Amino acid sequence: GVVAGTIDNSKAISITISAEDETTPSTVLGNNIIGGLSGVVKGDSQIKNIVVSNLSLKANALATGAVNRYQRTSQNTNVNTNLSYAGGVIGVADIYTEAEKSSSYHKTDTQIANLSNLIVNGIINIRASSAGGVIGYLGPQTNLRDVTLEIQGDEASKIVAYNFFAGGIVAECYGN
């Protein structure tokens, strides 16, 4: 990501990321997991009031099978090396408390959002095996609220999933 590769047990609040030239998006390339703000946001993190404008994001890796899906609980650090997620703000958002770490159940209190007020606008080009306009993968305990996606630029703007999922807001949603 532009700000960080991984945000873990941290906060990112009130950040604007924008290309200097509004007619040409700035390019961010990553191998596996890429986002305008960060590739991965995990743990007990909080992301609020983020604006991303005029970015081209591409995850170069090509995930080819169901085994190549994001796995939170794996102790094997190589397990996520064959993934391909991209999102306008975050590639993989898997936010949880330490007590929730081994659980795949959804939170019941959806009023508390760990991701909120996320805006992606302008000329946007997002490419990965799973590509989302705002988030590539949303984990089971992650709550998302108040999201805006405004795509401009006719043919220049695209959200392309190579062989899994594409979504305007989220490519793969397991959260709230």
N, C-alpha and C. Protein backbone atom coordinates (compact mmCIF):
# COMPACT_ATOMS: atom_id res chain seq x y z
N GLY A 1 0.81 -1.19 0.00
CA GLY A 1 0.00 0.00 0.00
C GLY A 1 0.85 1.25 0.00
N VAL A 2 0.20 2.35 -0.24
CA VAL A 2 0.91 3.63 -0.28
C VAL A 2 1.44 3.99 1.11
N VAL A 3 0.66 3.76 2.15
CA VAL A 3 1.07 4.11 3.51
C VAL A 3 1.84 2.98 4.17
N ALA A 4 1.33 1.75 4.06
CA ALA A 4 1.99 0.62 4.73
C ALA A 4 1.66 -0.68 4.00
N GLY A 5 2.59 -1.62 4.06
CA GLY A 5 2.31 -2.96 3.55
C GLY A 5 1.32 -3.66 4.45
N THR A 6 1.56 -3.60 5.78
CA THR A 6 0.68 -4.21 6.77
C THR A 6 0.43 -3.24 7.91
N ILE A 7 -0.81 -3.14 8.32
CA ILE A 7 -1.19 -2.40 9.53
C ILE A 7 -1.70 -3.44 10.51
N ASP A 8 -1.04 -3.59 11.66
CA ASP A 8 -1.37 -4.64 12.62
C ASP A 8 -1.55 -4.02 14.01
N ASN A 9 -2.74 -4.19 14.59
CA ASN A 9 -3.05 -3.64 15.92
C ASN A 9 -2.75 -2.14 15.99
N SER A 10 -3.19 -1.41 14.97
CA SER A 10 -2.88 0.02 14.88
C SER A 10 -4.08 0.80 14.35
N LYS A 11 -3.95 2.13 14.36
CA LYS A 11 -4.99 3.00 13.83
C LYS A 11 -4.44 3.82 12.67
N ALA A 12 -5.29 4.01 11.65
CA ALA A 12 -5.00 4.94 10.56
C ALA A 12 -6.26 5.79 10.42
N ILE A 13 -6.15 7.09 10.68
CA ILE A 13 -7.32 7.96 10.73
C ILE A 13 -7.03 9.24 9.96
N SER A 14 -8.00 9.65 9.14
CA SER A 14 -7.96 10.91 8.38
C SER A 14 -6.74 11.01 7.47
N ILE A 15 -6.69 10.13 6.47
CA ILE A 15 -5.60 10.11 5.50
C ILE A 15 -6.19 10.25 4.10
N THR A 16 -5.58 11.11 3.28
CA THR A 16 -5.97 11.28 1.88
C THR A 16 -4.80 10.89 1.00
N ILE A 17 -5.07 10.01 0.02
CA ILE A 17 -4.06 9.55 -0.92
C ILE A 17 -4.58 9.89 -2.31
N SER A 18 -3.81 10.67 -3.08
CA SER A 18 -4.30 11.12 -4.37
C SER A 18 -3.14 11.31 -5.35
N ALA A 19 -3.40 11.00 -6.61
CA ALA A 19 -2.41 11.26 -7.65
C ALA A 19 -2.34 12.77 -7.89
N GLU A 20 -1.16 13.25 -8.19
CA GLU A 20 -0.99 14.68 -8.44
C GLU A 20 -1.74 15.13 -9.69
N ASP A 21 -1.68 14.31 -10.74
CA ASP A 21 -2.37 14.60 -11.99
C ASP A 21 -3.72 13.88 -11.97
N GLU A 22 -4.81 14.63 -11.96
CA GLU A 22 -6.14 14.03 -11.86
C GLU A 22 -6.55 13.26 -13.11
N THR A 23 -5.85 13.43 -14.23
CA THR A 23 -6.21 12.73 -15.46
C THR A 23 -5.45 11.42 -15.64
N THR A 24 -4.39 11.21 -14.86
CA THR A 24 -3.60 9.99 -14.97
C THR A 24 -3.41 9.40 -13.57
N PRO A 25 -3.93 8.18 -13.34
CA PRO A 25 -3.77 7.59 -12.00
C PRO A 25 -2.32 7.20 -11.72
N SER A 26 -1.94 7.30 -10.46
CA SER A 26 -0.63 6.82 -10.03
C SER A 26 -0.72 5.31 -9.87
N THR A 27 0.38 4.61 -10.16
CA THR A 27 0.38 3.15 -10.15
C THR A 27 1.05 2.62 -8.90
N VAL A 28 0.40 1.64 -8.27
CA VAL A 28 0.96 0.92 -7.13
C VAL A 28 0.93 -0.56 -7.50
N LEU A 29 2.10 -1.19 -7.55
CA LEU A 29 2.21 -2.61 -7.88
C LEU A 29 2.62 -3.40 -6.65
N GLY A 30 2.04 -4.57 -6.50
CA GLY A 30 2.41 -5.46 -5.42
C GLY A 30 2.40 -6.89 -5.92
N ASN A 31 3.01 -7.78 -5.18
CA ASN A 31 3.04 -9.16 -5.63
C ASN A 31 1.76 -9.89 -5.27
N ASN A 32 1.32 -9.83 -4.01
CA ASN A 32 0.20 -10.64 -3.57
C ASN A 32 -1.02 -9.85 -3.12
N ILE A 33 -0.82 -8.96 -2.16
CA ILE A 33 -1.95 -8.26 -1.54
C ILE A 33 -1.64 -6.77 -1.58
N ILE A 34 -2.54 -6.01 -2.21
CA ILE A 34 -2.27 -4.59 -2.43
C ILE A 34 -3.52 -3.76 -2.13
N GLY A 35 -3.30 -2.59 -1.58
CA GLY A 35 -4.39 -1.65 -1.33
C GLY A 35 -3.88 -0.23 -1.44
N GLY A 36 -4.77 0.71 -1.66
CA GLY A 36 -4.37 2.11 -1.76
C GLY A 36 -3.75 2.62 -0.47
N LEU A 37 -4.32 2.26 0.67
CA LEU A 37 -3.77 2.62 1.98
C LEU A 37 -2.77 1.56 2.44
N SER A 38 -3.23 0.30 2.48
CA SER A 38 -2.41 -0.79 2.99
C SER A 38 -2.80 -2.10 2.32
N GLY A 39 -1.82 -2.98 2.16
CA GLY A 39 -2.12 -4.30 1.63
C GLY A 39 -2.96 -5.10 2.60
N VAL A 40 -2.52 -5.18 3.87
CA VAL A 40 -3.22 -5.96 4.89
C VAL A 40 -3.48 -5.08 6.12
N VAL A 41 -4.70 -5.15 6.64
CA VAL A 41 -5.03 -4.55 7.93
C VAL A 41 -5.56 -5.70 8.77
N LYS A 42 -4.90 -5.94 9.93
CA LYS A 42 -5.30 -7.09 10.74
C LYS A 42 -5.18 -6.78 12.22
N GLY A 43 -5.60 -7.76 13.03
CA GLY A 43 -5.54 -7.58 14.47
C GLY A 43 -6.59 -6.60 14.94
N ASP A 44 -6.35 -5.96 16.06
CA ASP A 44 -7.29 -5.02 16.65
C ASP A 44 -7.00 -3.62 16.12
N SER A 45 -7.21 -3.44 14.83
CA SER A 45 -6.92 -2.17 14.15
C SER A 45 -8.19 -1.37 13.91
N GLN A 46 -8.01 -0.10 13.61
CA GLN A 46 -9.14 0.79 13.30
C GLN A 46 -8.72 1.70 12.15
N ILE A 47 -9.55 1.73 11.10
CA ILE A 47 -9.28 2.55 9.92
C ILE A 47 -10.50 3.44 9.69
N LYS A 48 -10.30 4.77 9.72
CA LYS A 48 -11.42 5.71 9.57
C LYS A 48 -11.00 6.91 8.74
N ASN A 49 -11.99 7.45 8.02
CA ASN A 49 -11.83 8.70 7.27
C ASN A 49 -10.66 8.65 6.29
N ILE A 50 -10.74 7.70 5.36
CA ILE A 50 -9.70 7.51 4.36
C ILE A 50 -10.26 7.87 2.99
N VAL A 51 -9.53 8.66 2.22
CA VAL A 51 -9.92 9.01 0.86
C VAL A 51 -8.79 8.60 -0.08
N VAL A 52 -9.13 7.81 -1.10
CA VAL A 52 -8.17 7.37 -2.11
C VAL A 52 -8.72 7.82 -3.47
N SER A 53 -7.89 8.56 -4.22
CA SER A 53 -8.32 9.09 -5.52
C SER A 53 -7.28 8.79 -6.59
N ASN A 54 -7.77 8.41 -7.77
CA ASN A 54 -6.93 8.28 -8.96
C ASN A 54 -5.73 7.37 -8.77
N LEU A 55 -6.00 6.10 -8.46
CA LEU A 55 -4.94 5.12 -8.29
C LEU A 55 -5.16 3.92 -9.21
N SER A 56 -4.06 3.35 -9.66
CA SER A 56 -4.06 2.09 -10.38
C SER A 56 -3.33 1.08 -9.49
N LEU A 57 -4.04 0.01 -9.11
CA LEU A 57 -3.50 -0.98 -8.17
C LEU A 57 -3.49 -2.35 -8.85
N LYS A 58 -2.36 -3.05 -8.76
CA LYS A 58 -2.29 -4.36 -9.39
C LYS A 58 -1.49 -5.33 -8.53
N ALA A 59 -2.13 -6.48 -8.22
CA ALA A 59 -1.44 -7.59 -7.55
C ALA A 59 -0.95 -8.52 -8.66
N ASN A 60 0.36 -8.68 -8.77
CA ASN A 60 0.93 -9.45 -9.88
C ASN A 60 0.74 -10.96 -9.77
N ALA A 61 0.64 -11.49 -8.55
CA ALA A 61 0.49 -12.94 -8.39
C ALA A 61 -0.86 -13.38 -8.92
N LEU A 62 -0.92 -14.61 -9.40
CA LEU A 62 -2.16 -15.17 -9.92
C LEU A 62 -2.55 -16.37 -9.07
N ALA A 63 -3.59 -16.20 -8.23
CA ALA A 63 -4.09 -17.31 -7.41
C ALA A 63 -4.90 -18.22 -8.32
N THR A 64 -4.65 -19.52 -8.23
CA THR A 64 -5.27 -20.43 -9.19
C THR A 64 -6.22 -21.46 -8.59
N GLY A 65 -6.31 -21.58 -7.29
CA GLY A 65 -7.19 -22.59 -6.73
C GLY A 65 -7.77 -22.18 -5.40
N ALA A 66 -8.76 -22.94 -4.95
CA ALA A 66 -9.42 -22.62 -3.68
C ALA A 66 -8.45 -22.65 -2.51
N VAL A 67 -7.37 -23.41 -2.61
CA VAL A 67 -6.38 -23.46 -1.54
C VAL A 67 -5.64 -22.13 -1.41
N ASN A 68 -5.67 -21.34 -2.46
CA ASN A 68 -4.99 -20.04 -2.44
C ASN A 68 -5.93 -18.93 -2.00
N ARG A 69 -6.59 -19.11 -0.87
CA ARG A 69 -7.47 -18.12 -0.27
C ARG A 69 -6.81 -17.64 1.02
N TYR A 70 -7.15 -16.45 1.45
CA TYR A 70 -6.58 -15.89 2.67
C TYR A 70 -6.92 -16.76 3.87
N GLN A 71 -5.92 -17.01 4.74
CA GLN A 71 -6.11 -17.79 5.95
C GLN A 71 -5.49 -17.06 7.14
N ARG A 72 -6.33 -16.64 8.06
CA ARG A 72 -5.87 -15.89 9.23
C ARG A 72 -5.07 -16.76 10.19
N THR A 73 -5.54 -17.96 10.45
CA THR A 73 -5.01 -18.75 11.54
C THR A 73 -3.78 -19.57 11.19
N SER A 74 -3.33 -19.52 9.97
CA SER A 74 -2.17 -20.33 9.59
C SER A 74 -0.90 -19.82 10.26
N GLN A 75 -0.15 -20.72 10.83
CA GLN A 75 1.15 -20.38 11.41
C GLN A 75 2.25 -20.41 10.35
N ASN A 76 1.93 -20.96 9.20
CA ASN A 76 2.88 -21.05 8.10
C ASN A 76 2.91 -19.72 7.37
N THR A 77 4.02 -19.01 7.44
CA THR A 77 4.09 -17.69 6.81
C THR A 77 4.07 -17.77 5.30
N ASN A 78 4.33 -18.92 4.72
CA ASN A 78 4.32 -19.05 3.27
C ASN A 78 2.92 -19.29 2.71
N VAL A 79 1.93 -19.55 3.56
CA VAL A 79 0.60 -19.92 3.08
C VAL A 79 -0.06 -18.79 2.30
N ASN A 80 0.24 -17.54 2.62
CA ASN A 80 -0.38 -16.41 1.93
C ASN A 80 0.47 -15.86 0.79
N THR A 81 1.51 -16.57 0.39
CA THR A 81 2.37 -16.06 -0.68
C THR A 81 1.79 -16.26 -2.07
N ASN A 82 0.82 -17.13 -2.24
CA ASN A 82 0.21 -17.35 -3.55
C ASN A 82 -1.15 -16.68 -3.69
N LEU A 83 -1.42 -15.70 -2.85
CA LEU A 83 -2.69 -15.00 -2.90
C LEU A 83 -2.64 -13.84 -3.88
N SER A 84 -3.81 -13.37 -4.25
CA SER A 84 -3.89 -12.21 -5.13
C SER A 84 -5.16 -11.43 -4.80
N TYR A 85 -5.01 -10.40 -3.93
CA TYR A 85 -6.13 -9.54 -3.53
C TYR A 85 -5.73 -8.08 -3.76
N ALA A 86 -6.70 -7.30 -4.23
CA ALA A 86 -6.49 -5.86 -4.35
C ALA A 86 -7.77 -5.13 -3.98
N GLY A 87 -7.61 -3.99 -3.33
CA GLY A 87 -8.76 -3.14 -2.97
C GLY A 87 -8.34 -1.68 -3.04
N GLY A 88 -9.27 -0.82 -3.39
CA GLY A 88 -8.97 0.61 -3.50
C GLY A 88 -8.38 1.20 -2.24
N VAL A 89 -8.81 0.71 -1.07
CA VAL A 89 -8.26 1.17 0.21
C VAL A 89 -7.41 0.08 0.85
N ILE A 90 -7.95 -1.15 0.93
CA ILE A 90 -7.27 -2.26 1.63
C ILE A 90 -7.41 -3.54 0.81
N GLY A 91 -6.31 -4.27 0.67
CA GLY A 91 -6.36 -5.56 -0.01
C GLY A 91 -7.05 -6.61 0.84
N VAL A 92 -6.58 -6.83 2.06
CA VAL A 92 -7.18 -7.78 3.01
C VAL A 92 -7.43 -7.05 4.32
N ALA A 93 -8.70 -6.99 4.74
CA ALA A 93 -9.08 -6.39 6.02
C ALA A 93 -9.61 -7.51 6.91
N ASP A 94 -8.81 -7.90 7.90
CA ASP A 94 -9.19 -8.97 8.81
C ASP A 94 -8.95 -8.48 10.23
N ILE A 95 -9.94 -7.77 10.76
CA ILE A 95 -9.79 -7.10 12.05
C ILE A 95 -10.51 -7.90 13.13
N TYR A 96 -9.80 -8.15 14.24
CA TYR A 96 -10.33 -8.99 15.31
C TYR A 96 -9.56 -8.68 16.59
N THR A 97 -10.18 -8.99 17.73
CA THR A 97 -9.47 -8.90 19.00
C THR A 97 -8.73 -10.21 19.22
N GLU A 98 -7.83 -10.25 20.15
CA GLU A 98 -7.08 -11.49 20.43
C GLU A 98 -8.01 -12.63 20.81
N ALA A 99 -9.10 -12.33 21.53
CA ALA A 99 -10.06 -13.37 21.93
C ALA A 99 -10.80 -13.94 20.72
N GLU A 100 -10.94 -13.16 19.66
CA GLU A 100 -11.66 -13.60 18.46
C GLU A 100 -10.74 -14.25 17.42
N LYS A 101 -9.46 -14.25 17.66
CA LYS A 101 -8.49 -14.66 16.65
C LYS A 101 -8.75 -16.03 16.05
N SER A 102 -9.14 -17.01 16.85
CA SER A 102 -9.33 -18.36 16.34
C SER A 102 -10.78 -18.63 15.93
N SER A 103 -11.62 -17.62 15.93
CA SER A 103 -13.03 -17.78 15.61
C SER A 103 -13.33 -17.31 14.18
N SER A 104 -14.31 -17.94 13.56
CA SER A 104 -14.76 -17.47 12.25
C SER A 104 -16.20 -16.95 12.33
N TYR A 105 -16.71 -16.77 13.58
CA TYR A 105 -18.07 -16.27 13.75
C TYR A 105 -18.11 -14.76 13.56
N HIS A 106 -19.25 -14.27 13.09
CA HIS A 106 -19.45 -12.84 12.89
C HIS A 106 -19.71 -12.14 14.21
N LYS A 107 -19.34 -10.89 14.28
CA LYS A 107 -19.68 -10.08 15.44
C LYS A 107 -21.17 -9.81 15.42
N THR A 108 -21.77 -9.75 16.60
CA THR A 108 -23.20 -9.46 16.67
C THR A 108 -23.47 -7.97 16.79
N ASP A 109 -22.51 -7.20 17.29
CA ASP A 109 -22.69 -5.77 17.43
C ASP A 109 -22.13 -5.08 16.19
N THR A 110 -23.01 -4.79 15.25
CA THR A 110 -22.57 -4.18 13.99
C THR A 110 -22.52 -2.66 14.08
N GLN A 111 -22.89 -2.08 15.22
CA GLN A 111 -22.83 -0.63 15.38
C GLN A 111 -21.40 -0.13 15.54
N ILE A 112 -20.53 -1.00 16.03
CA ILE A 112 -19.13 -0.63 16.20
C ILE A 112 -18.37 -1.05 14.95
N ALA A 113 -17.94 -0.09 14.17
CA ALA A 113 -17.26 -0.39 12.91
C ALA A 113 -15.76 -0.15 13.06
N ASN A 114 -14.96 -1.16 12.71
CA ASN A 114 -13.51 -0.96 12.73
C ASN A 114 -13.03 -0.32 11.44
N LEU A 115 -13.87 -0.36 10.38
CA LEU A 115 -13.59 0.33 9.12
C LEU A 115 -14.76 1.27 8.84
N SER A 116 -14.51 2.56 8.73
CA SER A 116 -15.62 3.48 8.45
C SER A 116 -15.15 4.71 7.70
N ASN A 117 -16.10 5.30 6.98
CA ASN A 117 -15.86 6.51 6.18
C ASN A 117 -14.69 6.32 5.21
N LEU A 118 -14.82 5.29 4.37
CA LEU A 118 -13.82 5.01 3.35
C LEU A 118 -14.36 5.48 2.01
N ILE A 119 -13.56 6.27 1.29
CA ILE A 119 -13.99 6.84 0.01
C ILE A 119 -12.94 6.52 -1.05
N VAL A 120 -13.40 5.96 -2.16
CA VAL A 120 -12.54 5.74 -3.33
C VAL A 120 -13.21 6.46 -4.48
N ASN A 121 -12.45 7.35 -5.16
CA ASN A 121 -13.05 8.09 -6.27
C ASN A 121 -12.03 8.43 -7.35
N GLY A 122 -12.55 8.89 -8.47
CA GLY A 122 -11.71 9.28 -9.59
C GLY A 122 -11.50 8.15 -10.57
N ILE A 123 -10.38 8.20 -11.27
CA ILE A 123 -10.01 7.14 -12.21
C ILE A 123 -9.37 6.02 -11.40
N ILE A 124 -10.03 4.88 -11.38
CA ILE A 124 -9.60 3.75 -10.55
C ILE A 124 -9.40 2.53 -11.44
N ASN A 125 -8.25 1.89 -11.31
CA ASN A 125 -7.97 0.66 -12.06
C ASN A 125 -7.41 -0.34 -11.06
N ILE A 126 -8.20 -1.38 -10.75
CA ILE A 126 -7.83 -2.35 -9.71
C ILE A 126 -7.83 -3.74 -10.34
N ARG A 127 -6.70 -4.48 -10.21
CA ARG A 127 -6.57 -5.79 -10.84
C ARG A 127 -5.91 -6.79 -9.89
N ALA A 128 -6.56 -7.95 -9.74
CA ALA A 128 -6.04 -9.05 -8.92
C ALA A 128 -6.92 -10.27 -9.18
N SER A 129 -6.56 -11.41 -8.60
CA SER A 129 -7.44 -12.57 -8.71
C SER A 129 -8.78 -12.29 -8.05
N SER A 130 -8.79 -11.56 -6.93
CA SER A 130 -10.01 -11.04 -6.31
C SER A 130 -9.80 -9.54 -6.13
N ALA A 131 -10.65 -8.74 -6.78
CA ALA A 131 -10.48 -7.29 -6.78
C ALA A 131 -11.75 -6.60 -6.33
N GLY A 132 -11.62 -5.68 -5.36
CA GLY A 132 -12.76 -4.90 -4.87
C GLY A 132 -12.49 -3.42 -5.02
N GLY A 133 -13.52 -2.66 -5.30
CA GLY A 133 -13.37 -1.22 -5.44
C GLY A 133 -12.84 -0.54 -4.19
N VAL A 134 -13.19 -1.08 -3.02
CA VAL A 134 -12.73 -0.52 -1.75
C VAL A 134 -11.91 -1.54 -0.95
N ILE A 135 -12.40 -2.79 -0.85
CA ILE A 135 -11.75 -3.85 -0.07
C ILE A 135 -11.67 -5.11 -0.93
N GLY A 136 -10.54 -5.80 -0.90
CA GLY A 136 -10.43 -7.08 -1.61
C GLY A 136 -11.05 -8.22 -0.84
N TYR A 137 -10.72 -8.35 0.46
CA TYR A 137 -11.23 -9.42 1.33
C TYR A 137 -11.62 -8.79 2.65
N LEU A 138 -12.85 -9.08 3.12
CA LEU A 138 -13.34 -8.57 4.40
C LEU A 138 -13.55 -9.75 5.34
N GLY A 139 -12.78 -9.80 6.43
CA GLY A 139 -12.79 -10.92 7.37
C GLY A 139 -14.06 -11.00 8.21
N PRO A 140 -14.29 -12.15 8.86
CA PRO A 140 -15.55 -12.41 9.56
C PRO A 140 -15.87 -11.51 10.75
N GLN A 141 -14.89 -11.00 11.48
CA GLN A 141 -15.18 -10.10 12.60
C GLN A 141 -15.02 -8.63 12.22
N THR A 142 -14.87 -8.36 10.96
CA THR A 142 -14.63 -6.99 10.50
C THR A 142 -15.94 -6.32 10.13
N ASN A 143 -16.19 -5.15 10.72
CA ASN A 143 -17.40 -4.38 10.44
C ASN A 143 -17.05 -3.18 9.57
N LEU A 144 -17.77 -3.02 8.49
CA LEU A 144 -17.54 -1.96 7.51
C LEU A 144 -18.78 -1.07 7.45
N ARG A 145 -18.58 0.26 7.55
CA ARG A 145 -19.70 1.21 7.49
C ARG A 145 -19.30 2.44 6.70
N ASP A 146 -20.30 3.07 6.10
CA ASP A 146 -20.14 4.37 5.45
C ASP A 146 -19.03 4.35 4.41
N VAL A 147 -19.32 3.69 3.29
CA VAL A 147 -18.35 3.51 2.21
C VAL A 147 -18.88 4.17 0.94
N THR A 148 -17.99 4.84 0.20
CA THR A 148 -18.37 5.47 -1.06
C THR A 148 -17.39 5.05 -2.15
N LEU A 149 -17.94 4.67 -3.30
CA LEU A 149 -17.14 4.37 -4.49
C LEU A 149 -17.72 5.19 -5.64
N GLU A 150 -16.91 6.11 -6.18
CA GLU A 150 -17.32 6.95 -7.31
C GLU A 150 -16.29 6.79 -8.40
N ILE A 151 -16.63 6.02 -9.41
CA ILE A 151 -15.68 5.75 -10.50
C ILE A 151 -15.93 6.74 -11.63
N GLN A 152 -14.83 7.29 -12.15
CA GLN A 152 -14.89 8.20 -13.29
C GLN A 152 -13.93 7.69 -14.36
N GLY A 153 -14.00 8.27 -15.53
CA GLY A 153 -12.98 7.99 -16.54
C GLY A 153 -13.34 6.98 -17.60
N ASP A 154 -14.62 6.78 -17.89
CA ASP A 154 -15.06 5.91 -18.98
C ASP A 154 -14.29 4.60 -19.02
N GLU A 155 -13.53 4.38 -20.10
CA GLU A 155 -12.79 3.14 -20.31
C GLU A 155 -11.57 3.01 -19.40
N ALA A 156 -11.08 4.10 -18.86
CA ALA A 156 -9.86 4.07 -18.04
C ALA A 156 -10.06 3.41 -16.69
N SER A 157 -11.28 3.44 -16.18
CA SER A 157 -11.56 2.87 -14.86
C SER A 157 -12.07 1.45 -14.98
N LYS A 158 -11.43 0.53 -14.22
CA LYS A 158 -11.83 -0.88 -14.27
C LYS A 158 -11.55 -1.55 -12.92
N ILE A 159 -12.40 -2.51 -12.59
CA ILE A 159 -12.14 -3.43 -11.49
C ILE A 159 -12.14 -4.81 -12.13
N VAL A 160 -10.96 -5.44 -12.19
CA VAL A 160 -10.80 -6.69 -12.93
C VAL A 160 -10.33 -7.79 -11.99
N ALA A 161 -11.10 -8.88 -11.94
CA ALA A 161 -10.70 -10.08 -11.20
C ALA A 161 -10.23 -11.10 -12.23
N TYR A 162 -9.00 -11.57 -12.09
CA TYR A 162 -8.45 -12.51 -13.06
C TYR A 162 -9.19 -13.84 -13.08
N ASN A 163 -9.45 -14.41 -11.90
CA ASN A 163 -10.11 -15.71 -11.92
C ASN A 163 -10.94 -16.02 -10.67
N PHE A 164 -11.20 -15.04 -9.83
CA PHE A 164 -12.10 -15.27 -8.70
C PHE A 164 -13.18 -14.21 -8.66
N PHE A 165 -13.12 -13.26 -7.74
CA PHE A 165 -14.24 -12.37 -7.50
C PHE A 165 -13.89 -10.91 -7.75
N ALA A 166 -14.86 -10.19 -8.32
CA ALA A 166 -14.76 -8.73 -8.44
C ALA A 166 -15.99 -8.15 -7.77
N GLY A 167 -15.80 -7.05 -7.03
CA GLY A 167 -16.92 -6.40 -6.38
C GLY A 167 -16.74 -4.89 -6.39
N GLY A 168 -17.85 -4.18 -6.54
CA GLY A 168 -17.77 -2.72 -6.52
C GLY A 168 -17.23 -2.21 -5.19
N ILE A 169 -17.74 -2.73 -4.09
CA ILE A 169 -17.26 -2.34 -2.76
C ILE A 169 -16.29 -3.38 -2.23
N VAL A 170 -16.71 -4.65 -2.14
CA VAL A 170 -15.87 -5.74 -1.58
C VAL A 170 -15.88 -6.92 -2.56
N ALA A 171 -14.72 -7.50 -2.79
CA ALA A 171 -14.64 -8.69 -3.66
C ALA A 171 -15.12 -9.93 -2.90
N GLU A 172 -14.56 -10.20 -1.73
CA GLU A 172 -14.95 -11.35 -0.90
C GLU A 172 -15.36 -10.83 0.47
N CYS A 173 -16.65 -10.97 0.81
CA CYS A 173 -17.16 -10.43 2.06
C CYS A 173 -17.60 -11.54 3.00
N TYR A 174 -16.88 -11.68 4.11
CA TYR A 174 -17.23 -12.64 5.16
C TYR A 174 -17.61 -11.90 6.44
N GLY A 175 -17.53 -10.57 6.42
CA GLY A 175 -17.80 -9.76 7.60
C GLY A 175 -19.15 -9.10 7.54
N ASN A 176 -19.28 -7.99 8.26
CA ASN A 176 -20.54 -7.24 8.34
C ASN A 176 -20.38 -5.89 7.67
